[in-house]
Amino acid sequence: MGVITNKVERDELKPGDHIYTYRAVFAYSHHGVFVGGCKVVHFKPEQSLVSSTLAASSSSPSSSSSVSEVNVSSEAPCPTFPDCGYKQPKSGVVLSCLDCFLKKGSLYRFEYGVSSSIFLSRLRGGTCTTAPSDPLQTVIHRAMHLLQNGFGNYDIFQNNCEDFALYCKTGLLILDKNGVGRSGQASSILGAPLAALLSSPLALLIPNPVGVATVTAGMYCMSRYATDIGVRNDVIKVPVEDLALNLGFKTLKRKRKAFDSSVSK
């Protein structure tokens, strides 16, 4: 891995690695946590899982199970691993084999604890963070716990597959539920038009199009950096056992005070 790409080979993976692959001709990336044994725990929109299960149920006349009773996604039967697609009812957290996760795409490993200069050099979000990773066994424990208990409702901007993997790796949650989530990919989507908007008045002062493009790119990178969980001050470490689906702001606020006081000591 390096500044250009995070692409890795399968034999380089370690259980607890945050991995991702690109979908729709690099339009977006899908993230998950490699837990060993060619298995990946990842987070998907529950609606797509339910609809695929509905389709499979309706096509099978002998099936008498309701959708709520099915805990294996029928999105695409895996010929290799019988438990591929395992999930709890009404949860978007899924256990898949590596092949089904990649869907013939290339394999990339997300980087943790990178320097500010490396982070800013990545023009595309969703590839690295300045935040350090917790021990790999802790990461696996979080992923497997969330497989059994869920990770809340999927939200493309505030609670997506990258947010899931980032939480598993760091245990960090963001207090401001109205802001941008942990996902660098979501920050890129929001940061690009914001940078273009902020730099547009400079076009009158900088006649050179290259200069305007440079300023816009700089603002875009800085907007991504400002939302990175490694530099934000509105994040808190939450044990996975306390990550209830209805976790309220007041509870988080009390935990944050306790966390801040322990750090100050």
C-alpha atoms as a PDB file:
ATOM      1  CA  MET A   1       0.000   0.000   0.000  1.00  0.00           C
ATOM      2  CA  GLY A   2       1.090   3.577  -0.506  1.00  0.00           C
ATOM      3  CA  VAL A   3       0.025   7.047  -1.518  1.00  0.00           C
ATOM      4  CA  ILE A   4      -1.367   5.862  -4.847  1.00  0.00           C
ATOM      5  CA  THR A   5      -3.459   2.849  -3.864  1.00  0.00           C
ATOM      6  CA  ASN A   6      -4.521   0.700  -0.899  1.00  0.00           C
ATOM      7  CA  LYS A   7      -4.912  -2.404  -3.057  1.00  0.00           C
ATOM      8  CA  VAL A   8      -3.828  -5.645  -1.383  1.00  0.00           C
ATOM      9  CA  GLU A   9      -3.776  -9.354  -2.093  1.00  0.00           C
ATOM     10  CA  ARG A  10      -5.916 -11.804  -0.131  1.00  0.00           C
ATOM     11  CA  ASP A  11      -2.950 -13.453   1.539  1.00  0.00           C
ATOM     12  CA  GLU A  12      -1.959 -10.075   2.999  1.00  0.00           C
ATOM     13  CA  LEU A  13      -5.177  -9.755   5.012  1.00  0.00           C
ATOM     14  CA  LYS A  14      -5.293 -10.130   8.785  1.00  0.00           C
ATOM     15  CA  PRO A  15      -8.456 -10.741  10.826  1.00  0.00           C
ATOM     16  CA  GLY A  16      -9.672  -7.356  11.997  1.00  0.00           C
ATOM     17  CA  ASP A  17      -8.675  -5.496   8.827  1.00  0.00           C
ATOM     18  CA  HIS A  18     -11.045  -2.874   7.443  1.00  0.00           C
ATOM     19  CA  ILE A  19     -11.431  -3.695   3.760  1.00  0.00           C
ATOM     20  CA  TYR A  20     -13.364  -2.225   0.858  1.00  0.00           C
ATOM     21  CA  THR A  21     -14.057  -2.692  -2.804  1.00  0.00           C
ATOM     22  CA  TYR A  22     -15.444  -0.423  -5.493  1.00  0.00           C
ATOM     23  CA  ARG A  23     -18.872  -0.787  -7.057  1.00  0.00           C
ATOM     24  CA  ALA A  24     -20.466   0.561 -10.256  1.00  0.00           C
ATOM     25  CA  VAL A  25     -17.190   1.337 -12.056  1.00  0.00           C
ATOM     26  CA  PHE A  26     -15.588   3.111  -9.070  1.00  0.00           C
ATOM     27  CA  ALA A  27     -18.695   5.216  -8.431  1.00  0.00           C
ATOM     28  CA  TYR A  28     -18.671   4.273  -4.754  1.00  0.00           C
ATOM     29  CA  SER A  29     -17.004   1.829  -2.374  1.00  0.00           C
ATOM     30  CA  HIS A  30     -18.444  -0.821  -0.071  1.00  0.00           C
ATOM     31  CA  HIS A  31     -16.745  -1.422   3.279  1.00  0.00           C
ATOM     32  CA  GLY A  32     -16.563  -4.264   5.784  1.00  0.00           C
ATOM     33  CA  VAL A  33     -14.445  -5.935   8.449  1.00  0.00           C
ATOM     34  CA  PHE A  34     -12.492  -9.081   7.603  1.00  0.00           C
ATOM     35  CA  VAL A  35     -12.947 -11.503  10.519  1.00  0.00           C
ATOM     36  CA  GLY A  36     -10.864 -14.408   9.206  1.00  0.00           C
ATOM     37  CA  GLY A  37     -11.780 -17.659   7.515  1.00  0.00           C
ATOM     38  CA  CYS A  38     -12.580 -15.840   4.245  1.00  0.00           C
ATOM     39  CA  LYS A  39     -15.493 -14.102   6.040  1.00  0.00           C
ATOM     40  CA  VAL A  40     -16.471 -10.425   6.112  1.00  0.00           C
ATOM     41  CA  VAL A  41     -18.964  -8.648   8.371  1.00  0.00           C
ATOM     42  CA  HIS A  42     -20.468  -5.633   6.662  1.00  0.00           C
ATOM     43  CA  PHE A  43     -23.477  -3.286   6.813  1.00  0.00           C
ATOM     44  CA  LYS A  44     -26.066  -2.921   4.066  1.00  0.00           C
ATOM     45  CA  PRO A  45     -29.429  -1.197   3.681  1.00  0.00           C
ATOM     46  CA  GLU A  46     -31.984  -3.481   5.309  1.00  0.00           C
ATOM     47  CA  GLN A  47     -34.535  -2.715   2.583  1.00  0.00           C
ATOM     48  CA  SER A  48     -32.425  -4.379  -0.105  1.00  0.00           C
ATOM     49  CA  LEU A  49     -31.981  -7.436   2.085  1.00  0.00           C
ATOM     50  CA  VAL A  50     -35.704  -7.679   2.815  1.00  0.00           C
ATOM     51  CA  SER A  51     -36.683  -7.229  -0.827  1.00  0.00           C
ATOM     52  CA  SER A  52     -34.283  -9.955  -1.929  1.00  0.00           C
ATOM     53  CA  THR A  53     -35.641 -12.247   0.761  1.00  0.00           C
ATOM     54  CA  LEU A  54     -39.196 -11.447  -0.332  1.00  0.00           C
ATOM     55  CA  ALA A  55     -38.345 -12.313  -3.912  1.00  0.00           C
ATOM     56  CA  ALA A  56     -36.816 -15.606  -2.893  1.00  0.00           C
ATOM     57  CA  SER A  57     -39.772 -16.444  -0.635  1.00  0.00           C
ATOM     58  CA  SER A  58     -42.358 -15.655  -3.294  1.00  0.00           C
ATOM     59  CA  SER A  59     -40.534 -17.791  -5.846  1.00  0.00           C
ATOM     60  CA  SER A  60     -40.567 -20.784  -3.489  1.00  0.00           C
ATOM     61  CA  PRO A  61     -44.109 -22.148  -3.091  1.00  0.00           C
ATOM     62  CA  SER A  62     -43.009 -24.576  -0.374  1.00  0.00           C
ATOM     63  CA  SER A  63     -41.686 -21.785   1.819  1.00  0.00           C
ATOM     64  CA  SER A  64     -43.974 -21.044   4.760  1.00  0.00           C
ATOM     65  CA  SER A  65     -41.586 -18.861   6.771  1.00  0.00           C
ATOM     66  CA  SER A  66     -42.381 -15.179   7.125  1.00  0.00           C
ATOM     67  CA  VAL A  67     -39.778 -12.579   6.202  1.00  0.00           C
ATOM     68  CA  SER A  68     -39.166 -11.735   9.862  1.00  0.00           C
ATOM     69  CA  GLU A  69     -38.188 -15.343  10.532  1.00  0.00           C
ATOM     70  CA  VAL A  70     -35.571 -15.533   7.810  1.00  0.00           C
ATOM     71  CA  ASN A  71     -32.041 -14.746   8.952  1.00  0.00           C
ATOM     72  CA  VAL A  72     -30.135 -15.641   5.805  1.00  0.00           C
ATOM     73  CA  SER A  73     -30.193 -13.213   2.895  1.00  0.00           C
ATOM     74  CA  SER A  74     -31.181 -14.815  -0.405  1.00  0.00           C
ATOM     75  CA  GLU A  75     -29.562 -12.059  -2.441  1.00  0.00           C
ATOM     76  CA  ALA A  76     -27.337 -14.585  -4.212  1.00  0.00           C
ATOM     77  CA  PRO A  77     -26.895 -18.165  -3.022  1.00  0.00           C
ATOM     78  CA  CYS A  78     -23.249 -18.816  -2.241  1.00  0.00           C
ATOM     79  CA  PRO A  79     -21.962 -22.122  -3.657  1.00  0.00           C
ATOM     80  CA  THR A  80     -19.035 -22.256  -1.235  1.00  0.00           C
ATOM     81  CA  PHE A  81     -20.152 -21.216   2.262  1.00  0.00           C
ATOM     82  CA  PRO A  82     -23.607 -22.240   3.598  1.00  0.00           C
ATOM     83  CA  ASP A  83     -23.587 -19.452   6.211  1.00  0.00           C
ATOM     84  CA  CYS A  84     -22.732 -16.750   3.686  1.00  0.00           C
ATOM     85  CA  GLY A  85     -25.457 -14.108   3.934  1.00  0.00           C
ATOM     86  CA  TYR A  86     -26.240 -14.804   7.588  1.00  0.00           C
ATOM     87  CA  LYS A  87     -27.974 -11.926   9.354  1.00  0.00           C
ATOM     88  CA  GLN A  88     -30.354 -11.317  12.210  1.00  0.00           C
ATOM     89  CA  PRO A  89     -33.961 -10.370  11.375  1.00  0.00           C
ATOM     90  CA  LYS A  90     -34.477  -6.658  10.713  1.00  0.00           C
ATOM     91  CA  SER A  91     -30.735  -6.000  10.699  1.00  0.00           C
ATOM     92  CA  GLY A  92     -28.482  -4.745   7.944  1.00  0.00           C
ATOM     93  CA  VAL A  93     -25.323  -6.316   9.390  1.00  0.00           C
ATOM     94  CA  VAL A  94     -24.405  -9.342   7.269  1.00  0.00           C
ATOM     95  CA  LEU A  95     -21.784 -12.091   7.326  1.00  0.00           C
ATOM     96  CA  SER A  96     -20.528 -12.835   3.809  1.00  0.00           C
ATOM     97  CA  CYS A  97     -17.676 -14.749   2.272  1.00  0.00           C
ATOM     98  CA  LEU A  98     -14.926 -12.667   0.722  1.00  0.00           C
ATOM     99  CA  ASP A  99     -15.936 -13.592  -2.833  1.00  0.00           C
ATOM    100  CA  CYS A 100     -19.548 -12.488  -2.351  1.00  0.00           C
ATOM    101  CA  PHE A 101     -18.399  -9.292  -0.621  1.00  0.00           C
ATOM    102  CA  LEU A 102     -16.043  -8.357  -3.462  1.00  0.00           C
ATOM    103  CA  LYS A 103     -18.414  -9.356  -6.288  1.00  0.00           C
ATOM    104  CA  LYS A 104     -15.367  -9.787  -8.578  1.00  0.00           C
ATOM    105  CA  GLY A 105     -14.042  -6.378  -7.585  1.00  0.00           C
ATOM    106  CA  SER A 106     -10.515  -5.630  -6.396  1.00  0.00           C
ATOM    107  CA  LEU A 107      -9.593  -5.779  -2.715  1.00  0.00           C
ATOM    108  CA  TYR A 108      -8.410  -2.706  -0.805  1.00  0.00           C
ATOM    109  CA  ARG A 109      -7.399  -2.191   2.823  1.00  0.00           C
ATOM    110  CA  PHE A 110      -8.378   0.984   4.674  1.00  0.00           C
ATOM    111  CA  GLU A 111      -5.465   2.704   6.435  1.00  0.00           C
ATOM    112  CA  TYR A 112      -5.489   3.958  10.030  1.00  0.00           C
ATOM    113  CA  GLY A 113      -3.234   6.375  11.864  1.00  0.00           C
ATOM    114  CA  VAL A 114      -2.008   8.112   8.709  1.00  0.00           C
ATOM    115  CA  SER A 115      -0.318  11.498   8.921  1.00  0.00           C
ATOM    116  CA  SER A 116      -2.128  14.696   7.983  1.00  0.00           C
ATOM    117  CA  SER A 117      -0.030  15.030   4.843  1.00  0.00           C
ATOM    118  CA  ILE A 118      -0.913  11.521   3.659  1.00  0.00           C
ATOM    119  CA  PHE A 119      -4.595  12.115   4.409  1.00  0.00           C
ATOM    120  CA  LEU A 120      -4.646  15.364   2.448  1.00  0.00           C
ATOM    121  CA  SER A 121      -2.821  13.741  -0.469  1.00  0.00           C
ATOM    122  CA  ARG A 122      -5.729  11.334  -1.001  1.00  0.00           C
ATOM    123  CA  LEU A 123      -8.058  13.130  -3.358  1.00  0.00           C
ATOM    124  CA  ARG A 124     -10.717  10.485  -2.825  1.00  0.00           C
ATOM    125  CA  GLY A 125     -12.367  10.010   0.553  1.00  0.00           C
ATOM    126  CA  GLY A 126     -13.083   6.676   2.191  1.00  0.00           C
ATOM    127  CA  THR A 127      -9.541   5.283   1.989  1.00  0.00           C
ATOM    128  CA  CYS A 128      -7.849   6.310   5.252  1.00  0.00           C
ATOM    129  CA  THR A 129      -8.163   8.174   8.553  1.00  0.00           C
ATOM    130  CA  THR A 130      -5.809   9.847  10.983  1.00  0.00           C
ATOM    131  CA  ALA A 131      -7.499   7.965  13.844  1.00  0.00           C
ATOM    132  CA  PRO A 132      -5.604   4.938  15.183  1.00  0.00           C
ATOM    133  CA  SER A 133      -7.099   1.462  15.114  1.00  0.00           C
ATOM    134  CA  ASP A 134      -7.852  -0.496  18.264  1.00  0.00           C
ATOM    135  CA  PRO A 135      -6.331  -3.998  18.709  1.00  0.00           C
ATOM    136  CA  LEU A 136      -7.525  -6.425  16.057  1.00  0.00           C
ATOM    137  CA  GLN A 137      -9.188  -8.758  18.567  1.00  0.00           C
ATOM    138  CA  THR A 138     -11.264  -5.826  19.840  1.00  0.00           C
ATOM    139  CA  VAL A 139     -12.242  -5.004  16.260  1.00  0.00           C
ATOM    140  CA  ILE A 140     -13.404  -8.570  15.611  1.00  0.00           C
ATOM    141  CA  HIS A 141     -15.348  -8.621  18.888  1.00  0.00           C
ATOM    142  CA  ARG A 142     -17.231  -5.458  17.889  1.00  0.00           C
ATOM    143  CA  ALA A 143     -18.022  -6.772  14.417  1.00  0.00           C
ATOM    144  CA  MET A 144     -19.346 -10.119  15.699  1.00  0.00           C
ATOM    145  CA  HIS A 145     -21.343  -8.423  18.458  1.00  0.00           C
ATOM    146  CA  LEU A 146     -22.987  -6.107  15.938  1.00  0.00           C
ATOM    147  CA  LEU A 147     -23.720  -9.074  13.667  1.00  0.00           C
ATOM    148  CA  GLN A 148     -25.916 -10.421  16.460  1.00  0.00           C
ATOM    149  CA  ASN A 149     -27.302  -7.097  17.714  1.00  0.00           C
ATOM    150  CA  GLY A 150     -27.453  -4.780  14.687  1.00  0.00           C
ATOM    151  CA  PHE A 151     -26.083  -1.320  13.955  1.00  0.00           C
ATOM    152  CA  GLY A 152     -29.266   0.723  13.699  1.00  0.00           C
ATOM    153  CA  ASN A 153     -30.849   2.053  10.541  1.00  0.00           C
ATOM    154  CA  TYR A 154     -28.760   2.475   7.414  1.00  0.00           C
ATOM    155  CA  ASP A 155     -28.260   6.083   6.317  1.00  0.00           C
ATOM    156  CA  ILE A 156     -26.088   6.940   3.335  1.00  0.00           C
ATOM    157  CA  PHE A 157     -24.700  10.093   4.978  1.00  0.00           C
ATOM    158  CA  GLN A 158     -24.723   9.327   8.705  1.00  0.00           C
ATOM    159  CA  ASN A 159     -24.703   5.549   9.202  1.00  0.00           C
ATOM    160  CA  ASN A 160     -23.397   3.619   6.222  1.00  0.00           C
ATOM    161  CA  CYS A 161     -21.058   0.687   5.608  1.00  0.00           C
ATOM    162  CA  GLU A 162     -17.939   2.800   6.106  1.00  0.00           C
ATOM    163  CA  ASP A 163     -19.336   4.187   9.372  1.00  0.00           C
ATOM    164  CA  PHE A 164     -19.856   0.597  10.518  1.00  0.00           C
ATOM    165  CA  ALA A 165     -16.277  -0.431   9.732  1.00  0.00           C
ATOM    166  CA  LEU A 166     -14.867   2.753  11.279  1.00  0.00           C
ATOM    167  CA  TYR A 167     -16.770   2.103  14.500  1.00  0.00           C
ATOM    168  CA  CYS A 168     -15.569  -1.499  14.624  1.00  0.00           C
ATOM    169  CA  LYS A 169     -11.973  -0.316  14.221  1.00  0.00           C
ATOM    170  CA  THR A 170     -12.056   2.649  16.615  1.00  0.00           C
ATOM    171  CA  GLY A 171     -15.161   2.419  18.835  1.00  0.00           C
ATOM    172  CA  LEU A 172     -15.814   6.088  18.104  1.00  0.00           C
ATOM    173  CA  LEU A 173     -19.272   7.599  17.694  1.00  0.00           C
ATOM    174  CA  ILE A 174     -20.205  11.135  16.723  1.00  0.00           C
ATOM    175  CA  LEU A 175     -22.350  13.083  19.165  1.00  0.00           C
ATOM    176  CA  ASP A 176     -23.909  15.449  16.618  1.00  0.00           C
ATOM    177  CA  LYS A 177     -26.567  13.319  14.944  1.00  0.00           C
ATOM    178  CA  ASN A 178     -27.473  16.190  12.591  1.00  0.00           C
ATOM    179  CA  GLY A 179     -24.006  16.509  11.099  1.00  0.00           C
ATOM    180  CA  VAL A 180     -21.888  14.420   8.765  1.00  0.00           C
ATOM    181  CA  GLY A 181     -21.117  10.883   9.953  1.00  0.00           C
ATOM    182  CA  ARG A 182     -17.729   9.212  10.255  1.00  0.00           C
ATOM    183  CA  SER A 183     -17.652   8.192   6.599  1.00  0.00           C
ATOM    184  CA  GLY A 184     -14.961   9.828   4.483  1.00  0.00           C
ATOM    185  CA  GLN A 185     -16.909   8.789   1.410  1.00  0.00           C
ATOM    186  CA  ALA A 186     -19.960  10.778   2.559  1.00  0.00           C
ATOM    187  CA  SER A 187     -17.717  13.733   3.438  1.00  0.00           C
ATOM    188  CA  SER A 188     -16.378  13.671  -0.120  1.00  0.00           C
ATOM    189  CA  ILE A 189     -19.880  13.775  -1.576  1.00  0.00           C
ATOM    190  CA  LEU A 190     -20.763  16.792   0.546  1.00  0.00           C
ATOM    191  CA  GLY A 191     -17.330  18.408   0.413  1.00  0.00           C
ATOM    192  CA  ALA A 192     -16.943  18.627  -3.367  1.00  0.00           C
ATOM    193  CA  PRO A 193     -19.958  20.881  -4.068  1.00  0.00           C
ATOM    194  CA  LEU A 194     -19.185  22.910  -0.928  1.00  0.00           C
ATOM    195  CA  ALA A 195     -15.624  23.538  -2.094  1.00  0.00           C
ATOM    196  CA  ALA A 196     -16.861  24.502  -5.555  1.00  0.00           C
ATOM    197  CA  LEU A 197     -19.373  26.911  -4.032  1.00  0.00           C
ATOM    198  CA  LEU A 198     -16.848  28.556  -1.727  1.00  0.00           C
ATOM    199  CA  SER A 199     -14.211  28.916  -4.431  1.00  0.00           C
ATOM    200  CA  SER A 200     -16.555  30.232  -7.143  1.00  0.00           C
ATOM    201  CA  PRO A 201     -16.149  33.908  -6.105  1.00  0.00           C
ATOM    202  CA  LEU A 202     -12.384  33.475  -6.491  1.00  0.00           C
ATOM    203  CA  ALA A 203     -12.857  32.929 -10.204  1.00  0.00           C
ATOM    204  CA  LEU A 204     -13.256  36.698 -10.505  1.00  0.00           C
ATOM    205  CA  LEU A 205      -9.926  37.257  -8.768  1.00  0.00           C
ATOM    206  CA  ILE A 206      -7.971  34.377 -10.288  1.00  0.00           C
ATOM    207  CA  PRO A 207      -8.182  34.515 -14.087  1.00  0.00           C
ATOM    208  CA  ASN A 208      -6.201  31.313 -14.505  1.00  0.00           C
ATOM    209  CA  PRO A 209      -8.541  28.270 -14.528  1.00  0.00           C
ATOM    210  CA  VAL A 210      -5.737  26.112 -13.162  1.00  0.00           C
ATOM    211  CA  GLY A 211      -5.455  28.413 -10.157  1.00  0.00           C
ATOM    212  CA  VAL A 212      -9.175  28.189  -9.445  1.00  0.00           C
ATOM    213  CA  ALA A 213      -9.060  24.398  -9.755  1.00  0.00           C
ATOM    214  CA  THR A 214      -6.129  24.265  -7.343  1.00  0.00           C
ATOM    215  CA  VAL A 215      -7.933  26.383  -4.761  1.00  0.00           C
ATOM    216  CA  THR A 216     -11.092  24.284  -5.141  1.00  0.00           C
ATOM    217  CA  ALA A 217      -9.134  21.053  -4.682  1.00  0.00           C
ATOM    218  CA  GLY A 218      -7.457  22.476  -1.590  1.00  0.00           C
ATOM    219  CA  MET A 219     -10.784  23.470  -0.041  1.00  0.00           C
ATOM    220  CA  TYR A 220     -12.194  20.056  -0.870  1.00  0.00           C
ATOM    221  CA  CYS A 221      -9.318  18.263   0.869  1.00  0.00           C
ATOM    222  CA  MET A 222      -9.537  20.532   3.909  1.00  0.00           C
ATOM    223  CA  SER A 223     -13.291  19.959   4.203  1.00  0.00           C
ATOM    224  CA  ARG A 224     -12.647  16.190   4.244  1.00  0.00           C
ATOM    225  CA  TYR A 225      -9.889  16.610   6.825  1.00  0.00           C
ATOM    226  CA  ALA A 226     -12.146  18.656   9.110  1.00  0.00           C
ATOM    227  CA  THR A 227     -14.702  15.824   9.223  1.00  0.00           C
ATOM    228  CA  ASP A 228     -12.179  13.024   9.809  1.00  0.00           C
ATOM    229  CA  ILE A 229     -12.819  11.200  13.113  1.00  0.00           C
ATOM    230  CA  GLY A 230      -9.158  11.532  13.996  1.00  0.00           C
ATOM    231  CA  VAL A 231      -9.379  15.328  14.313  1.00  0.00           C
ATOM    232  CA  ARG A 232     -13.021  15.932  15.265  1.00  0.00           C
ATOM    233  CA  ASN A 233     -13.807  16.969  18.833  1.00  0.00           C
ATOM    234  CA  ASP A 234     -17.399  15.714  18.813  1.00  0.00           C
ATOM    235  CA  VAL A 235     -16.528  12.001  18.946  1.00  0.00           C
ATOM    236  CA  ILE A 236     -16.702   9.667  21.915  1.00  0.00           C
ATOM    237  CA  LYS A 237     -15.546   6.121  22.601  1.00  0.00           C
ATOM    238  CA  VAL A 238     -18.537   3.850  23.251  1.00  0.00           C
ATOM    239  CA  PRO A 239     -18.224   0.162  24.222  1.00  0.00           C
ATOM    240  CA  VAL A 240     -20.046  -2.041  21.751  1.00  0.00           C
ATOM    241  CA  GLU A 241     -22.086  -3.566  24.573  1.00  0.00           C
ATOM    242  CA  ASP A 242     -23.539  -0.103  25.266  1.00  0.00           C
ATOM    243  CA  LEU A 243     -24.331   0.596  21.646  1.00  0.00           C
ATOM    244  CA  ALA A 244     -28.083   0.171  21.985  1.00  0.00           C
ATOM    245  CA  LEU A 245     -30.206   0.986  18.949  1.00  0.00           C
ATOM    246  CA  ASN A 246     -32.079   3.618  20.966  1.00  0.00           C
ATOM    247  CA  LEU A 247     -28.956   5.148  22.548  1.00  0.00           C
ATOM    248  CA  GLY A 248     -29.915   8.729  23.445  1.00  0.00           C
ATOM    249  CA  PHE A 249     -27.894  11.916  23.374  1.00  0.00           C
ATOM    250  CA  LYS A 250     -28.068  12.354  27.161  1.00  0.00           C
ATOM    251  CA  THR A 251     -26.499   8.960  27.712  1.00  0.00           C
ATOM    252  CA  LEU A 252     -23.736   9.749  25.259  1.00  0.00           C
ATOM    253  CA  LYS A 253     -23.180  13.123  26.879  1.00  0.00           C
ATOM    254  CA  ARG A 254     -22.619  11.548  30.302  1.00  0.00           C
ATOM    255  CA  LYS A 255     -20.223   9.028  28.783  1.00  0.00           C
ATOM    256  CA  ARG A 256     -18.361  11.807  27.011  1.00  0.00           C
ATOM    257  CA  LYS A 257     -17.789  13.689  30.276  1.00  0.00           C
ATOM    258  CA  ALA A 258     -16.470  10.515  31.896  1.00  0.00           C
ATOM    259  CA  PHE A 259     -14.218   9.863  28.882  1.00  0.00           C
ATOM    260  CA  ASP A 260     -12.896  13.444  28.820  1.00  0.00           C
ATOM    261  CA  SER A 261     -12.112  13.364  32.541  1.00  0.00           C
ATOM    262  CA  SER A 262     -10.252  10.068  32.201  1.00  0.00           C
ATOM    263  CA  VAL A 263      -8.217  11.459  29.285  1.00  0.00           C
ATOM    264  CA  SER A 264      -7.322  14.613  31.240  1.00  0.00           C
ATOM    265  CA  LYS A 265      -5.913  12.443  34.020  1.00  0.00           C
END
